[in-house]
Amino acid sequence: MLFDTHVHLNARQFSEDREDTIQRAFAAGVNYMVVVGFDKETIPLAIEIAEQNKTIYAAVGWHPVDAVDMTEADLTWIEELSSHPKVVAIGEMGLDYHWDKSPKEVQKEVFRQQIRLAKKVNMPIIIHNREATEDIIEILQEEGAEAIGGIMHCYNDSVDYVQACLDMNFYISLGGPVTFKNATMPKEVAVEVPLDRLLVETDAPFLAPHPYRGKRNEPAHVKLIAEKVAELRGISMEQLSKVTTDNAFSLFRIAK
């Protein structure tokens, strides 16, 4: 029994075979998923998919790359949707310094607004971080994000920052890069993170694990990520699956 804590089944890449993709995941033992909405197009579809599947949930937020497009009405909309029974987190949100569509200062302000919203509705947050680790940690600390905690989504940074994240009640989620042959940082993180703060995810359709690297990712592949993490930690797949699924239930406050 596995929990893919971050998947974009609402992405256009799944428009033609979404239901088949979901069934392949269930058949692979991926019983639970959170579909993450990140803009005006993907948020409604995330909720729709969650409504149609008992063990699939949704997160609603605004991606930092598109921060420049977010309006006050969009923020109000996200707040309203947070009360939906299948919505379990606010996000993804954060900072992305790789792409230059949204100026850094705009990204930071939209990030802060979403943290404050999540604190208001008392929900965990899902953090997107690309080349912005120190600024993200600083903003999370300044905004008192430890009050709600959340997920460092697809963590692909140094172990040096792990403790700061743990101190703010965040879980560390590992994705496809932990399976890449030359990716040393996520492998180090997989060993160092306390078992009770560890999650697994695919970020599908992106970041497919080995041996599917470069191809479309899908939630069934979270099994390959979990197997690699279990191997690195020297524990059974059964133990890793149970702990990470229990962690996800706890974080998202899902009743068993």
C-alpha atoms as a PDB file:
ATOM      1  CA  MET A   1       0.000   0.000   0.000  1.00  0.00           C
ATOM      2  CA  LEU A   2       1.619   3.220  -1.215  1.00  0.00           C
ATOM      3  CA  PHE A   3       0.679   6.910  -1.150  1.00  0.00           C
ATOM      4  CA  ASP A   4       1.802   9.135  -4.022  1.00  0.00           C
ATOM      5  CA  THR A   5       1.738  12.471  -2.219  1.00  0.00           C
ATOM      6  CA  HIS A   6       2.229  14.637  -5.319  1.00  0.00           C
ATOM      7  CA  VAL A   7       0.894  13.832  -8.767  1.00  0.00           C
ATOM      8  CA  HIS A   8      -0.492  15.936 -11.601  1.00  0.00           C
ATOM      9  CA  LEU A   9      -3.164  13.664 -13.043  1.00  0.00           C
ATOM     10  CA  ASN A  10      -4.782  16.975 -13.986  1.00  0.00           C
ATOM     11  CA  ALA A  11      -1.980  17.690 -16.476  1.00  0.00           C
ATOM     12  CA  ARG A  12      -2.679  17.709 -20.188  1.00  0.00           C
ATOM     13  CA  GLN A  13      -0.316  14.751 -20.635  1.00  0.00           C
ATOM     14  CA  PHE A  14      -3.000  12.523 -19.088  1.00  0.00           C
ATOM     15  CA  SER A  15      -5.983  13.910 -20.981  1.00  0.00           C
ATOM     16  CA  GLU A  16      -6.314  10.846 -23.207  1.00  0.00           C
ATOM     17  CA  ASP A  17      -5.724   8.016 -20.725  1.00  0.00           C
ATOM     18  CA  ARG A  18      -6.309   9.434 -17.243  1.00  0.00           C
ATOM     19  CA  GLU A  19      -8.599   6.641 -16.037  1.00  0.00           C
ATOM     20  CA  ASP A  20      -6.264   3.924 -17.342  1.00  0.00           C
ATOM     21  CA  THR A  21      -3.372   5.643 -15.556  1.00  0.00           C
ATOM     22  CA  ILE A  22      -5.311   5.654 -12.288  1.00  0.00           C
ATOM     23  CA  GLN A  23      -6.185   1.978 -12.645  1.00  0.00           C
ATOM     24  CA  ARG A  24      -2.536   1.067 -13.352  1.00  0.00           C
ATOM     25  CA  ALA A  25      -1.575   2.853 -10.142  1.00  0.00           C
ATOM     26  CA  PHE A  26      -4.175   0.976  -8.107  1.00  0.00           C
ATOM     27  CA  ALA A  27      -3.016  -2.312  -9.667  1.00  0.00           C
ATOM     28  CA  ALA A  28       0.583  -1.497  -8.639  1.00  0.00           C
ATOM     29  CA  GLY A  29      -0.474  -1.006  -5.009  1.00  0.00           C
ATOM     30  CA  VAL A  30      -0.576   2.780  -5.113  1.00  0.00           C
ATOM     31  CA  ASN A  31      -3.840   3.062  -3.231  1.00  0.00           C
ATOM     32  CA  TYR A  32      -3.730   6.765  -2.374  1.00  0.00           C
ATOM     33  CA  MET A  33      -2.773   9.944  -4.224  1.00  0.00           C
ATOM     34  CA  VAL A  34      -2.938  13.712  -3.892  1.00  0.00           C
ATOM     35  CA  VAL A  35      -3.567  15.506  -7.184  1.00  0.00           C
ATOM     36  CA  VAL A  36      -2.009  18.953  -7.005  1.00  0.00           C
ATOM     37  CA  GLY A  37      -3.655  21.934  -8.679  1.00  0.00           C
ATOM     38  CA  PHE A  38      -1.444  24.938  -9.371  1.00  0.00           C
ATOM     39  CA  ASP A  39      -3.349  27.396 -11.574  1.00  0.00           C
ATOM     40  CA  LYS A  40      -6.792  28.361 -12.869  1.00  0.00           C
ATOM     41  CA  GLU A  41      -6.902  25.421 -15.280  1.00  0.00           C
ATOM     42  CA  THR A  42      -5.573  22.595 -13.110  1.00  0.00           C
ATOM     43  CA  ILE A  43      -7.248  23.348  -9.769  1.00  0.00           C
ATOM     44  CA  PRO A  44     -10.851  22.514 -10.806  1.00  0.00           C
ATOM     45  CA  LEU A  45      -9.704  19.294 -12.489  1.00  0.00           C
ATOM     46  CA  ALA A  46      -7.744  18.230  -9.380  1.00  0.00           C
ATOM     47  CA  ILE A  47     -10.926  18.509  -7.330  1.00  0.00           C
ATOM     48  CA  GLU A  48     -12.992  16.743  -9.995  1.00  0.00           C
ATOM     49  CA  ILE A  49     -10.595  13.767 -10.050  1.00  0.00           C
ATOM     50  CA  ALA A  50     -10.656  13.592  -6.249  1.00  0.00           C
ATOM     51  CA  GLU A  51     -14.450  13.673  -6.209  1.00  0.00           C
ATOM     52  CA  GLN A  52     -14.578  10.741  -8.609  1.00  0.00           C
ATOM     53  CA  ASN A  53     -12.177   8.512  -6.652  1.00  0.00           C
ATOM     54  CA  LYS A  54     -12.587   7.642  -2.985  1.00  0.00           C
ATOM     55  CA  THR A  55      -8.842   7.359  -2.230  1.00  0.00           C
ATOM     56  CA  ILE A  56      -7.633  10.299  -4.308  1.00  0.00           C
ATOM     57  CA  TYR A  57      -7.391  13.757  -2.744  1.00  0.00           C
ATOM     58  CA  ALA A  58      -6.600  17.261  -3.988  1.00  0.00           C
ATOM     59  CA  ALA A  59      -4.360  20.201  -3.122  1.00  0.00           C
ATOM     60  CA  VAL A  60      -5.044  23.742  -4.340  1.00  0.00           C
ATOM     61  CA  GLY A  61      -2.494  26.502  -4.761  1.00  0.00           C
ATOM     62  CA  TRP A  62      -0.647  28.766  -7.181  1.00  0.00           C
ATOM     63  CA  HIS A  63       2.672  27.848  -8.800  1.00  0.00           C
ATOM     64  CA  PRO A  64       5.503  30.378  -8.378  1.00  0.00           C
ATOM     65  CA  VAL A  65       6.343  30.434 -12.088  1.00  0.00           C
ATOM     66  CA  ASP A  66       2.876  31.896 -12.686  1.00  0.00           C
ATOM     67  CA  ALA A  67       2.854  34.152  -9.609  1.00  0.00           C
ATOM     68  CA  VAL A  68       2.625  37.240 -11.802  1.00  0.00           C
ATOM     69  CA  ASP A  69      -0.775  36.017 -13.057  1.00  0.00           C
ATOM     70  CA  MET A  70      -2.386  35.492  -9.657  1.00  0.00           C
ATOM     71  CA  THR A  71      -5.053  38.007  -8.647  1.00  0.00           C
ATOM     72  CA  GLU A  72      -6.705  38.773  -5.335  1.00  0.00           C
ATOM     73  CA  ALA A  73      -9.790  36.984  -6.670  1.00  0.00           C
ATOM     74  CA  ASP A  74      -7.708  33.867  -7.305  1.00  0.00           C
ATOM     75  CA  LEU A  75      -6.475  33.885  -3.711  1.00  0.00           C
ATOM     76  CA  THR A  76     -10.048  34.211  -2.452  1.00  0.00           C
ATOM     77  CA  TRP A  77     -11.054  31.339  -4.737  1.00  0.00           C
ATOM     78  CA  ILE A  78      -8.340  29.098  -3.301  1.00  0.00           C
ATOM     79  CA  GLU A  79      -9.496  29.945   0.211  1.00  0.00           C
ATOM     80  CA  GLU A  80     -13.075  29.017  -0.681  1.00  0.00           C
ATOM     81  CA  LEU A  81     -11.968  25.709  -2.200  1.00  0.00           C
ATOM     82  CA  SER A  82      -9.935  24.836   0.895  1.00  0.00           C
ATOM     83  CA  SER A  83     -13.170  23.885   2.665  1.00  0.00           C
ATOM     84  CA  HIS A  84     -13.948  21.170   0.107  1.00  0.00           C
ATOM     85  CA  PRO A  85     -13.966  17.763   1.874  1.00  0.00           C
ATOM     86  CA  LYS A  86     -11.428  16.262  -0.557  1.00  0.00           C
ATOM     87  CA  VAL A  87      -8.944  19.170  -0.374  1.00  0.00           C
ATOM     88  CA  VAL A  88      -6.161  18.272   2.072  1.00  0.00           C
ATOM     89  CA  ALA A  89      -3.439  20.892   1.500  1.00  0.00           C
ATOM     90  CA  ILE A  90      -2.649  24.326   0.065  1.00  0.00           C
ATOM     91  CA  GLY A  91      -0.108  24.272  -2.748  1.00  0.00           C
ATOM     92  CA  GLU A  92       1.936  23.875  -4.589  1.00  0.00           C
ATOM     93  CA  MET A  93       3.513  27.188  -3.727  1.00  0.00           C
ATOM     94  CA  GLY A  94       7.031  28.455  -3.272  1.00  0.00           C
ATOM     95  CA  LEU A  95       9.820  29.990  -5.347  1.00  0.00           C
ATOM     96  CA  ASP A  96      11.272  29.074  -8.733  1.00  0.00           C
ATOM     97  CA  TYR A  97      14.376  30.986  -9.773  1.00  0.00           C
ATOM     98  CA  HIS A  98      15.065  28.811 -12.819  1.00  0.00           C
ATOM     99  CA  TRP A  99      12.403  30.404 -15.016  1.00  0.00           C
ATOM    100  CA  ASP A 100      12.067  34.177 -15.253  1.00  0.00           C
ATOM    101  CA  LYS A 101       8.376  34.638 -16.083  1.00  0.00           C
ATOM    102  CA  SER A 102       7.567  36.019 -12.617  1.00  0.00           C
ATOM    103  CA  PRO A 103       9.934  38.467 -10.902  1.00  0.00           C
ATOM    104  CA  LYS A 104      11.421  37.206  -7.635  1.00  0.00           C
ATOM    105  CA  GLU A 105       9.722  39.867  -5.527  1.00  0.00           C
ATOM    106  CA  VAL A 106       6.322  38.961  -7.013  1.00  0.00           C
ATOM    107  CA  GLN A 107       6.971  35.283  -6.305  1.00  0.00           C
ATOM    108  CA  LYS A 108       7.902  36.052  -2.714  1.00  0.00           C
ATOM    109  CA  GLU A 109       4.754  38.087  -2.103  1.00  0.00           C
ATOM    110  CA  VAL A 110       2.453  35.444  -3.609  1.00  0.00           C
ATOM    111  CA  PHE A 111       4.271  32.797  -1.546  1.00  0.00           C
ATOM    112  CA  ARG A 112       3.724  34.783   1.649  1.00  0.00           C
ATOM    113  CA  GLN A 113       0.056  35.346   0.815  1.00  0.00           C
ATOM    114  CA  GLN A 114      -0.511  31.618   0.392  1.00  0.00           C
ATOM    115  CA  ILE A 115       1.264  30.742   3.641  1.00  0.00           C
ATOM    116  CA  ARG A 116      -0.945  33.228   5.468  1.00  0.00           C
ATOM    117  CA  LEU A 117      -4.019  31.773   3.792  1.00  0.00           C
ATOM    118  CA  ALA A 118      -2.998  28.245   4.836  1.00  0.00           C
ATOM    119  CA  LYS A 119      -2.510  29.394   8.420  1.00  0.00           C
ATOM    120  CA  LYS A 120      -5.935  31.030   8.330  1.00  0.00           C
ATOM    121  CA  VAL A 121      -7.637  27.809   7.185  1.00  0.00           C
ATOM    122  CA  ASN A 122      -5.256  25.606   9.231  1.00  0.00           C
ATOM    123  CA  MET A 123      -3.988  23.387   6.431  1.00  0.00           C
ATOM    124  CA  PRO A 124      -0.511  22.044   5.579  1.00  0.00           C
ATOM    125  CA  ILE A 125       1.357  23.497   2.610  1.00  0.00           C
ATOM    126  CA  ILE A 126       3.201  21.925  -0.324  1.00  0.00           C
ATOM    127  CA  ILE A 127       6.455  23.670  -1.226  1.00  0.00           C
ATOM    128  CA  HIS A 128       7.911  23.963  -4.719  1.00  0.00           C
ATOM    129  CA  ASN A 129      11.582  24.933  -4.615  1.00  0.00           C
ATOM    130  CA  ARG A 130      13.861  25.439  -7.566  1.00  0.00           C
ATOM    131  CA  GLU A 131      17.192  27.142  -6.962  1.00  0.00           C
ATOM    132  CA  ALA A 132      15.744  29.154  -4.066  1.00  0.00           C
ATOM    133  CA  THR A 133      16.336  27.122  -0.894  1.00  0.00           C
ATOM    134  CA  GLU A 134      17.659  29.835   1.408  1.00  0.00           C
ATOM    135  CA  ASP A 135      14.933  32.334   0.470  1.00  0.00           C
ATOM    136  CA  ILE A 136      12.251  29.681   0.948  1.00  0.00           C
ATOM    137  CA  ILE A 137      13.487  28.734   4.417  1.00  0.00           C
ATOM    138  CA  GLU A 138      13.761  32.408   5.394  1.00  0.00           C
ATOM    139  CA  ILE A 139      10.181  33.144   4.285  1.00  0.00           C
ATOM    140  CA  LEU A 140       8.785  30.029   5.967  1.00  0.00           C
ATOM    141  CA  GLN A 141      10.492  31.051   9.224  1.00  0.00           C
ATOM    142  CA  GLU A 142       9.379  34.678   8.983  1.00  0.00           C
ATOM    143  CA  GLU A 143       5.768  33.658   8.277  1.00  0.00           C
ATOM    144  CA  GLY A 144       5.640  31.148  11.126  1.00  0.00           C
ATOM    145  CA  ALA A 145       4.953  28.210   8.830  1.00  0.00           C
ATOM    146  CA  GLU A 146       5.824  25.758  11.608  1.00  0.00           C
ATOM    147  CA  ALA A 147       2.294  26.325  12.881  1.00  0.00           C
ATOM    148  CA  ILE A 148       0.920  24.331   9.947  1.00  0.00           C
ATOM    149  CA  GLY A 149       3.894  22.396   8.535  1.00  0.00           C
ATOM    150  CA  GLY A 150       3.748  20.669   5.203  1.00  0.00           C
ATOM    151  CA  ILE A 151       5.867  18.996   2.533  1.00  0.00           C
ATOM    152  CA  MET A 152       9.145  19.863   0.894  1.00  0.00           C
ATOM    153  CA  HIS A 153       7.968  18.473  -2.432  1.00  0.00           C
ATOM    154  CA  CYS A 154      10.409  16.417  -4.507  1.00  0.00           C
ATOM    155  CA  TYR A 155      13.294  17.422  -2.240  1.00  0.00           C
ATOM    156  CA  ASN A 156      16.468  17.562  -4.305  1.00  0.00           C
ATOM    157  CA  ASP A 157      18.743  19.689  -2.149  1.00  0.00           C
ATOM    158  CA  SER A 158      21.609  19.123   0.242  1.00  0.00           C
ATOM    159  CA  VAL A 159      21.193  17.314   3.554  1.00  0.00           C
ATOM    160  CA  ASP A 160      22.471  20.556   5.105  1.00  0.00           C
ATOM    161  CA  TYR A 161      18.979  22.090   4.833  1.00  0.00           C
ATOM    162  CA  VAL A 162      17.006  19.076   6.056  1.00  0.00           C
ATOM    163  CA  GLN A 163      17.115  19.956   9.753  1.00  0.00           C
ATOM    164  CA  ALA A 164      15.790  23.468   9.180  1.00  0.00           C
ATOM    165  CA  CYS A 165      12.824  21.928   7.360  1.00  0.00           C
ATOM    166  CA  LEU A 166      12.227  19.350  10.089  1.00  0.00           C
ATOM    167  CA  ASP A 167      12.360  22.081  12.730  1.00  0.00           C
ATOM    168  CA  MET A 168       9.416  23.776  10.991  1.00  0.00           C
ATOM    169  CA  ASN A 169       7.285  20.600  11.041  1.00  0.00           C
ATOM    170  CA  PHE A 170       7.891  19.762   7.396  1.00  0.00           C
ATOM    171  CA  TYR A 171       8.071  16.336   5.838  1.00  0.00           C
ATOM    172  CA  ILE A 172      10.656  15.519   3.189  1.00  0.00           C
ATOM    173  CA  SER A 173       9.235  13.950   0.027  1.00  0.00           C
ATOM    174  CA  LEU A 174      11.451  12.078  -2.422  1.00  0.00           C
ATOM    175  CA  GLY A 175      10.708  11.512  -6.089  1.00  0.00           C
ATOM    176  CA  GLY A 176      12.253  10.041  -9.213  1.00  0.00           C
ATOM    177  CA  PRO A 177      15.732  11.623  -8.849  1.00  0.00           C
ATOM    178  CA  VAL A 178      16.519   9.315  -5.912  1.00  0.00           C
ATOM    179  CA  THR A 179      16.678   6.491  -8.468  1.00  0.00           C
ATOM    180  CA  PHE A 180      19.037   8.280 -10.876  1.00  0.00           C
ATOM    181  CA  LYS A 181      22.469   6.646 -10.964  1.00  0.00           C
ATOM    182  CA  ASN A 182      24.508   9.837 -10.527  1.00  0.00           C
ATOM    183  CA  ALA A 183      22.167  11.677  -8.148  1.00  0.00           C
ATOM    184  CA  THR A 184      24.034  11.615  -4.842  1.00  0.00           C
ATOM    185  CA  MET A 185      22.136  14.303  -2.874  1.00  0.00           C
ATOM    186  CA  PRO A 186      18.681  12.670  -2.843  1.00  0.00           C
ATOM    187  CA  LYS A 187      20.281   9.341  -1.904  1.00  0.00           C
ATOM    188  CA  GLU A 188      22.015  10.983   1.069  1.00  0.00           C
ATOM    189  CA  VAL A 189      18.741  12.620   2.080  1.00  0.00           C
ATOM    190  CA  ALA A 190      16.875   9.302   1.808  1.00  0.00           C
ATOM    191  CA  VAL A 191      19.160   7.864   4.480  1.00  0.00           C
ATOM    192  CA  GLU A 192      19.322  10.908   6.761  1.00  0.00           C
ATOM    193  CA  VAL A 193      15.655  11.936   7.057  1.00  0.00           C
ATOM    194  CA  PRO A 194      13.917  10.423  10.121  1.00  0.00           C
ATOM    195  CA  LEU A 195      11.571   7.683   8.997  1.00  0.00           C
ATOM    196  CA  ASP A 196       8.585   9.418  10.574  1.00  0.00           C
ATOM    197  CA  ARG A 197       9.140  12.498   8.351  1.00  0.00           C
ATOM    198  CA  LEU A 198       9.615  10.727   5.031  1.00  0.00           C
ATOM    199  CA  LEU A 199       7.213  10.694   2.070  1.00  0.00           C
ATOM    200  CA  VAL A 200       7.352   9.436  -1.517  1.00  0.00           C
ATOM    201  CA  GLU A 201       5.893  10.967  -4.668  1.00  0.00           C
ATOM    202  CA  THR A 202       6.126  10.901  -8.451  1.00  0.00           C
ATOM    203  CA  ASP A 203       5.396  14.504  -9.523  1.00  0.00           C
ATOM    204  CA  ALA A 204       3.985  12.735 -12.599  1.00  0.00           C
ATOM    205  CA  PRO A 205       4.033  13.366 -15.499  1.00  0.00           C
ATOM    206  CA  PHE A 206       7.458  14.818 -14.668  1.00  0.00           C
ATOM    207  CA  LEU A 207      10.674  13.318 -13.258  1.00  0.00           C
ATOM    208  CA  ALA A 208      10.107   9.670 -14.147  1.00  0.00           C
ATOM    209  CA  PRO A 209      12.347   7.307 -12.158  1.00  0.00           C
ATOM    210  CA  HIS A 210      14.922   4.959 -13.640  1.00  0.00           C
ATOM    211  CA  PRO A 211      14.447   3.047 -15.979  1.00  0.00           C
ATOM    212  CA  TYR A 212      11.769   5.392 -17.368  1.00  0.00           C
ATOM    213  CA  ARG A 213      13.822   8.577 -17.109  1.00  0.00           C
ATOM    214  CA  GLY A 214      12.935  11.002 -19.896  1.00  0.00           C
ATOM    215  CA  LYS A 215       9.542   9.420 -20.491  1.00  0.00           C
ATOM    216  CA  ARG A 216       6.132  10.370 -19.120  1.00  0.00           C
ATOM    217  CA  ASN A 217       5.951   9.587 -15.430  1.00  0.00           C
ATOM    218  CA  GLU A 218       2.826   8.142 -13.796  1.00  0.00           C
ATOM    219  CA  PRO A 219       1.724   7.339 -10.235  1.00  0.00           C
ATOM    220  CA  ALA A 220       2.313   3.581 -10.588  1.00  0.00           C
ATOM    221  CA  HIS A 221       6.037   4.401 -10.699  1.00  0.00           C
ATOM    222  CA  VAL A 222       6.064   5.566  -7.079  1.00  0.00           C
ATOM    223  CA  LYS A 223       6.679   1.885  -6.319  1.00  0.00           C
ATOM    224  CA  LEU A 224      10.127   2.157  -7.941  1.00  0.00           C
ATOM    225  CA  ILE A 225      10.934   5.219  -5.826  1.00  0.00           C
ATOM    226  CA  ALA A 226       9.815   3.485  -2.637  1.00  0.00           C
ATOM    227  CA  GLU A 227      11.871   0.395  -3.489  1.00  0.00           C
ATOM    228  CA  LYS A 228      15.006   2.496  -3.966  1.00  0.00           C
ATOM    229  CA  VAL A 229      14.481   4.385  -0.684  1.00  0.00           C
ATOM    230  CA  ALA A 230      13.901   1.103   1.180  1.00  0.00           C
ATOM    231  CA  GLU A 231      17.079  -0.317  -0.347  1.00  0.00           C
ATOM    232  CA  LEU A 232      19.115   2.755   0.621  1.00  0.00           C
ATOM    233  CA  ARG A 233      17.820   2.619   4.195  1.00  0.00           C
ATOM    234  CA  GLY A 234      18.265  -1.152   4.497  1.00  0.00           C
ATOM    235  CA  ILE A 235      14.634  -1.792   5.421  1.00  0.00           C
ATOM    236  CA  SER A 236      11.891  -3.841   3.832  1.00  0.00           C
ATOM    237  CA  MET A 237       9.617  -2.448   1.175  1.00  0.00           C
ATOM    238  CA  GLU A 238       6.698  -3.351   3.441  1.00  0.00           C
ATOM    239  CA  GLN A 239       8.035  -1.210   6.271  1.00  0.00           C
ATOM    240  CA  LEU A 240       8.828   1.716   3.993  1.00  0.00           C
ATOM    241  CA  SER A 241       5.378   1.557   2.407  1.00  0.00           C
ATOM    242  CA  LYS A 242       3.581   1.433   5.739  1.00  0.00           C
ATOM    243  CA  VAL A 243       5.553   4.258   7.323  1.00  0.00           C
ATOM    244  CA  THR A 244       5.332   6.655   4.388  1.00  0.00           C
ATOM    245  CA  THR A 245       1.617   5.975   3.956  1.00  0.00           C
ATOM    246  CA  ASP A 246       0.995   6.501   7.682  1.00  0.00           C
ATOM    247  CA  ASN A 247       3.013   9.732   7.487  1.00  0.00           C
ATOM    248  CA  ALA A 248       0.869  10.987   4.614  1.00  0.00           C
ATOM    249  CA  PHE A 249      -2.350  10.156   6.466  1.00  0.00           C
ATOM    250  CA  SER A 250      -1.068  12.023   9.496  1.00  0.00           C
ATOM    251  CA  LEU A 251       0.070  15.111   7.592  1.00  0.00           C
ATOM    252  CA  PHE A 252      -3.068  15.400   5.473  1.00  0.00           C
ATOM    253  CA  ARG A 253      -5.307  14.519   8.444  1.00  0.00           C
ATOM    254  CA  ILE A 254      -7.061  11.770   6.541  1.00  0.00           C
ATOM    255  CA  ALA A 255      -9.106   9.404   8.689  1.00  0.00           C
ATOM    256  CA  LYS A 256      -8.263   5.760   8.124  1.00  0.00           C
END
